[in-house]
């Protein structure tokens, strides 16, 4: 059954599509940019039962 197989989006997206440029740019970003935006600490967002 083909619906159960994992999809390979690389096959469905043309090689010259803009999303490939955006994906490459996002992958080059340093994760520390996003981590520094959040000071950390505080309480859990939900009660940990």
C-alpha atoms as a PDB file:
ATOM      1  CA  UNK A   1       0.000   0.000   0.000  1.00  0.00           C
ATOM      2  CA  UNK A   2       1.713   3.204  -1.160  1.00  0.00           C
ATOM      3  CA  UNK A   3      -0.002   5.388   1.427  1.00  0.00           C
ATOM      4  CA  UNK A   4       1.990   3.726   4.198  1.00  0.00           C
ATOM      5  CA  UNK A   5       5.387   4.428   2.650  1.00  0.00           C
ATOM      6  CA  UNK A   6       7.240   7.588   3.697  1.00  0.00           C
ATOM      7  CA  UNK A   7       7.099  10.303   1.067  1.00  0.00           C
ATOM      8  CA  UNK A   8      10.291  11.670  -0.458  1.00  0.00           C
ATOM      9  CA  UNK A   9       9.558  15.347  -1.084  1.00  0.00           C
ATOM     10  CA  UNK A  10      12.865  15.733  -2.927  1.00  0.00           C
ATOM     11  CA  UNK A  11      11.293  13.868  -5.842  1.00  0.00           C
ATOM     12  CA  UNK A  12       8.180  16.065  -5.920  1.00  0.00           C
ATOM     13  CA  UNK A  13       9.884  19.480  -5.770  1.00  0.00           C
ATOM     14  CA  UNK A  14      11.569  20.681  -8.973  1.00  0.00           C
ATOM     15  CA  UNK A  15      15.302  21.334  -8.698  1.00  0.00           C
ATOM     16  CA  UNK A  16      14.888  25.036  -9.560  1.00  0.00           C
ATOM     17  CA  UNK A  17      11.998  25.728  -7.142  1.00  0.00           C
ATOM     18  CA  UNK A  18      12.300  28.694  -4.749  1.00  0.00           C
ATOM     19  CA  UNK A  19      11.638  26.501  -1.721  1.00  0.00           C
ATOM     20  CA  UNK A  20      15.041  24.859  -2.219  1.00  0.00           C
ATOM     21  CA  UNK A  21      16.769  28.255  -1.904  1.00  0.00           C
ATOM     22  CA  UNK A  22      14.775  29.110   1.231  1.00  0.00           C
ATOM     23  CA  UNK A  23      15.501  25.689   2.743  1.00  0.00           C
ATOM     24  CA  UNK A  24      19.233  26.067   2.131  1.00  0.00           C
ATOM     25  CA  UNK A  25      19.230  29.555   3.695  1.00  0.00           C
ATOM     26  CA  UNK A  26      17.358  28.391   6.796  1.00  0.00           C
ATOM     27  CA  UNK A  27      19.680  25.408   7.209  1.00  0.00           C
ATOM     28  CA  UNK A  28      22.690  27.766   7.230  1.00  0.00           C
ATOM     29  CA  UNK A  29      21.288  29.856  10.110  1.00  0.00           C
ATOM     30  CA  UNK A  30      22.906  29.395  13.493  1.00  0.00           C
ATOM     31  CA  UNK A  31      20.504  27.935  16.067  1.00  0.00           C
ATOM     32  CA  UNK A  32      21.932  30.278  18.698  1.00  0.00           C
ATOM     33  CA  UNK A  33      20.047  33.159  17.043  1.00  0.00           C
ATOM     34  CA  UNK A  34      16.762  31.613  18.105  1.00  0.00           C
ATOM     35  CA  UNK A  35      17.940  30.426  21.520  1.00  0.00           C
ATOM     36  CA  UNK A  36      19.164  33.892  22.471  1.00  0.00           C
ATOM     37  CA  UNK A  37      15.687  35.333  21.864  1.00  0.00           C
ATOM     38  CA  UNK A  38      14.327  33.354  24.834  1.00  0.00           C
ATOM     39  CA  UNK A  39      15.743  34.093  28.293  1.00  0.00           C
ATOM     40  CA  UNK A  40      14.742  30.702  29.705  1.00  0.00           C
ATOM     41  CA  UNK A  41      13.611  30.012  33.235  1.00  0.00           C
ATOM     42  CA  UNK A  42      10.046  30.462  34.295  1.00  0.00           C
ATOM     43  CA  UNK A  43       7.375  27.862  34.791  1.00  0.00           C
ATOM     44  CA  UNK A  44       6.272  24.967  32.638  1.00  0.00           C
ATOM     45  CA  UNK A  45       3.637  25.881  30.074  1.00  0.00           C
ATOM     46  CA  UNK A  46       1.372  23.142  31.431  1.00  0.00           C
ATOM     47  CA  UNK A  47       0.978  21.313  34.703  1.00  0.00           C
ATOM     48  CA  UNK A  48       3.297  18.267  34.596  1.00  0.00           C
ATOM     49  CA  UNK A  49       0.994  15.574  35.979  1.00  0.00           C
END
